[in-house]
Amino acid sequence: MAHIVGPTLLEDILRALVRAGGYRSEEEAVRHALEVLLAANPHLRTQTAIELYRQGKVTLSRAAEIAQLELETFKEQLAEKGVPMEVDEAPDDVRAGADLVRRLRGAHDSR
């Protein structure tokens, strides 16, 4: 199968797309091409989101959004790949939640 976009024509095609009025910039054309590629390939979209998360480029919730998966489903995907999960919460919020759990346990234990 012949490729429409060969390596020598890539930049020329991007410039032509912009000059033809299809896009305001080469970046916009590339962004759209990537969005179409990922929309057409759910597995690739999920793997890309996992890799972005693994590299620390996006948060857990943003990666799930990119993958177009529910958060819990995306967490399952991460677990299957052995990717450790970070908490998206601010440290103070995590500490406050832990304190609340301790207080509730203490109230329950004193009954």
C-alpha atoms as a PDB file:
ATOM      1  CA  MET A   1       0.000   0.000   0.000  1.00  0.00           C
ATOM      2  CA  ALA A   2       1.407   3.385  -0.977  1.00  0.00           C
ATOM      3  CA  HIS A   3       1.515   6.015   1.732  1.00  0.00           C
ATOM      4  CA  ILE A   4      -0.160   9.325   0.960  1.00  0.00           C
ATOM      5  CA  VAL A   5       2.169  11.138   3.346  1.00  0.00           C
ATOM      6  CA  GLY A   6       5.733  10.044   2.756  1.00  0.00           C
ATOM      7  CA  PRO A   7       8.506  11.307   4.999  1.00  0.00           C
ATOM      8  CA  THR A   8       9.755  13.788   2.403  1.00  0.00           C
ATOM      9  CA  LEU A   9       6.307  15.308   1.853  1.00  0.00           C
ATOM     10  CA  LEU A  10       5.122  15.631   5.458  1.00  0.00           C
ATOM     11  CA  GLU A  11       6.180  19.237   5.993  1.00  0.00           C
ATOM     12  CA  ASP A  12       5.059  20.255   2.486  1.00  0.00           C
ATOM     13  CA  ILE A  13       1.625  18.730   3.069  1.00  0.00           C
ATOM     14  CA  LEU A  14       1.267  20.509   6.409  1.00  0.00           C
ATOM     15  CA  ARG A  15       2.147  23.856   4.823  1.00  0.00           C
ATOM     16  CA  ALA A  16      -0.267  23.150   1.928  1.00  0.00           C
ATOM     17  CA  LEU A  17      -3.098  22.354   4.361  1.00  0.00           C
ATOM     18  CA  VAL A  18      -2.601  25.724   6.033  1.00  0.00           C
ATOM     19  CA  ARG A  19      -2.256  27.648   2.741  1.00  0.00           C
ATOM     20  CA  ALA A  20      -5.367  25.948   1.354  1.00  0.00           C
ATOM     21  CA  GLY A  21      -7.295  27.385   4.302  1.00  0.00           C
ATOM     22  CA  GLY A  22      -8.060  24.081   5.978  1.00  0.00           C
ATOM     23  CA  TYR A  23      -6.253  25.030   9.192  1.00  0.00           C
ATOM     24  CA  ARG A  24      -4.944  28.190  10.831  1.00  0.00           C
ATOM     25  CA  SER A  25      -1.570  26.604  11.599  1.00  0.00           C
ATOM     26  CA  GLU A  26       0.480  23.464  11.092  1.00  0.00           C
ATOM     27  CA  GLU A  27       0.072  22.744  14.814  1.00  0.00           C
ATOM     28  CA  GLU A  28      -3.721  22.848  14.437  1.00  0.00           C
ATOM     29  CA  ALA A  29      -3.530  20.389  11.514  1.00  0.00           C
ATOM     30  CA  VAL A  30      -1.325  17.990  13.501  1.00  0.00           C
ATOM     31  CA  ARG A  31      -3.601  18.286  16.550  1.00  0.00           C
ATOM     32  CA  HIS A  32      -6.637  17.426  14.433  1.00  0.00           C
ATOM     33  CA  ALA A  33      -4.849  14.507  12.772  1.00  0.00           C
ATOM     34  CA  LEU A  34      -3.902  13.090  16.187  1.00  0.00           C
ATOM     35  CA  GLU A  35      -7.454  13.529  17.492  1.00  0.00           C
ATOM     36  CA  VAL A  36      -8.829  11.638  14.469  1.00  0.00           C
ATOM     37  CA  LEU A  37      -6.193   8.914  14.824  1.00  0.00           C
ATOM     38  CA  LEU A  38      -6.951   8.384  18.512  1.00  0.00           C
ATOM     39  CA  ALA A  39     -10.717   8.535  17.982  1.00  0.00           C
ATOM     40  CA  ALA A  40     -10.444   5.777  15.378  1.00  0.00           C
ATOM     41  CA  ASN A  41      -8.189   3.573  17.546  1.00  0.00           C
ATOM     42  CA  PRO A  42      -9.534   3.096  21.105  1.00  0.00           C
ATOM     43  CA  HIS A  43      -6.722   0.702  22.068  1.00  0.00           C
ATOM     44  CA  LEU A  44      -4.075   3.174  20.926  1.00  0.00           C
ATOM     45  CA  ARG A  45      -5.929   5.983  22.723  1.00  0.00           C
ATOM     46  CA  THR A  46      -5.861   4.003  25.996  1.00  0.00           C
ATOM     47  CA  GLN A  47      -2.199   3.042  25.588  1.00  0.00           C
ATOM     48  CA  THR A  48      -1.310   6.672  24.855  1.00  0.00           C
ATOM     49  CA  ALA A  49      -3.164   7.846  27.968  1.00  0.00           C
ATOM     50  CA  ILE A  50      -1.356   5.216  30.063  1.00  0.00           C
ATOM     51  CA  GLU A  51       2.012   6.345  28.712  1.00  0.00           C
ATOM     52  CA  LEU A  52       1.246  10.027  29.332  1.00  0.00           C
ATOM     53  CA  TYR A  53       0.246   9.146  32.894  1.00  0.00           C
ATOM     54  CA  ARG A  54       3.328   6.947  33.394  1.00  0.00           C
ATOM     55  CA  GLN A  55       5.545   9.875  32.289  1.00  0.00           C
ATOM     56  CA  GLY A  56       3.774  12.235  34.700  1.00  0.00           C
ATOM     57  CA  LYS A  57       2.544  14.452  31.851  1.00  0.00           C
ATOM     58  CA  VAL A  58      -1.129  14.210  32.938  1.00  0.00           C
ATOM     59  CA  THR A  59      -3.042  13.472  36.132  1.00  0.00           C
ATOM     60  CA  LEU A  60      -4.925  10.248  36.692  1.00  0.00           C
ATOM     61  CA  SER A  61      -8.278  11.873  35.979  1.00  0.00           C
ATOM     62  CA  ARG A  62      -6.973  13.593  32.815  1.00  0.00           C
ATOM     63  CA  ALA A  63      -5.499  10.312  31.561  1.00  0.00           C
ATOM     64  CA  ALA A  64      -8.856   8.567  32.084  1.00  0.00           C
ATOM     65  CA  GLU A  65     -10.508  11.402  30.156  1.00  0.00           C
ATOM     66  CA  ILE A  66      -8.015  11.041  27.284  1.00  0.00           C
ATOM     67  CA  ALA A  67      -8.637   7.279  27.238  1.00  0.00           C
ATOM     68  CA  GLN A  68     -12.386   7.989  27.287  1.00  0.00           C
ATOM     69  CA  LEU A  69     -12.793   5.515  30.135  1.00  0.00           C
ATOM     70  CA  GLU A  70     -14.467   5.743  33.519  1.00  0.00           C
ATOM     71  CA  LEU A  71     -11.877   6.433  36.214  1.00  0.00           C
ATOM     72  CA  GLU A  72     -12.225   2.996  37.823  1.00  0.00           C
ATOM     73  CA  THR A  73     -11.915   1.247  34.450  1.00  0.00           C
ATOM     74  CA  PHE A  74      -8.787   3.256  33.703  1.00  0.00           C
ATOM     75  CA  LYS A  75      -7.346   2.356  37.115  1.00  0.00           C
ATOM     76  CA  GLU A  76      -7.906  -1.300  36.224  1.00  0.00           C
ATOM     77  CA  GLN A  77      -5.976  -0.760  32.986  1.00  0.00           C
ATOM     78  CA  LEU A  78      -3.103   0.789  34.948  1.00  0.00           C
ATOM     79  CA  ALA A  79      -3.078  -2.114  37.404  1.00  0.00           C
ATOM     80  CA  GLU A  80      -2.998  -4.638  34.538  1.00  0.00           C
ATOM     81  CA  LYS A  81       0.035  -2.824  33.102  1.00  0.00           C
ATOM     82  CA  GLY A  82       1.719  -2.585  36.512  1.00  0.00           C
ATOM     83  CA  VAL A  83       1.678   1.211  36.463  1.00  0.00           C
ATOM     84  CA  PRO A  84       1.680   2.698  39.986  1.00  0.00           C
ATOM     85  CA  MET A  85      -1.070   5.198  40.699  1.00  0.00           C
ATOM     86  CA  GLU A  86      -0.560   8.581  42.292  1.00  0.00           C
ATOM     87  CA  VAL A  87      -3.290  10.356  44.221  1.00  0.00           C
ATOM     88  CA  ASP A  88      -4.621  13.453  42.413  1.00  0.00           C
ATOM     89  CA  GLU A  89      -5.518  15.100  45.706  1.00  0.00           C
ATOM     90  CA  ALA A  90      -3.495  17.864  47.305  1.00  0.00           C
ATOM     91  CA  PRO A  91      -1.387  16.633  50.258  1.00  0.00           C
ATOM     92  CA  ASP A  92      -3.411  18.711  52.741  1.00  0.00           C
ATOM     93  CA  ASP A  93      -6.640  17.139  51.463  1.00  0.00           C
ATOM     94  CA  VAL A  94      -5.163  13.646  51.818  1.00  0.00           C
ATOM     95  CA  ARG A  95      -4.051  14.401  55.394  1.00  0.00           C
ATOM     96  CA  ALA A  96      -7.465  15.861  56.257  1.00  0.00           C
ATOM     97  CA  GLY A  97      -9.158  12.736  54.877  1.00  0.00           C
ATOM     98  CA  ALA A  98      -6.825  10.478  56.867  1.00  0.00           C
ATOM     99  CA  ASP A  99      -7.531  12.496  60.036  1.00  0.00           C
ATOM    100  CA  LEU A 100     -11.264  12.157  59.435  1.00  0.00           C
ATOM    101  CA  VAL A 101     -10.941   8.379  59.030  1.00  0.00           C
ATOM    102  CA  ARG A 102      -8.948   8.173  62.297  1.00  0.00           C
ATOM    103  CA  ARG A 103     -11.543  10.254  64.163  1.00  0.00           C
ATOM    104  CA  LEU A 104     -14.386   8.149  62.799  1.00  0.00           C
ATOM    105  CA  ARG A 105     -12.577   4.942  63.765  1.00  0.00           C
ATOM    106  CA  GLY A 106     -11.945   6.319  67.238  1.00  0.00           C
ATOM    107  CA  ALA A 107     -15.620   7.247  67.638  1.00  0.00           C
ATOM    108  CA  HIS A 108     -16.646   3.794  66.433  1.00  0.00           C
ATOM    109  CA  ASP A 109     -14.151   1.990  68.713  1.00  0.00           C
ATOM    110  CA  SER A 110     -15.322   3.916  71.805  1.00  0.00           C
ATOM    111  CA  ARG A 111     -18.885   2.595  71.486  1.00  0.00           C
END
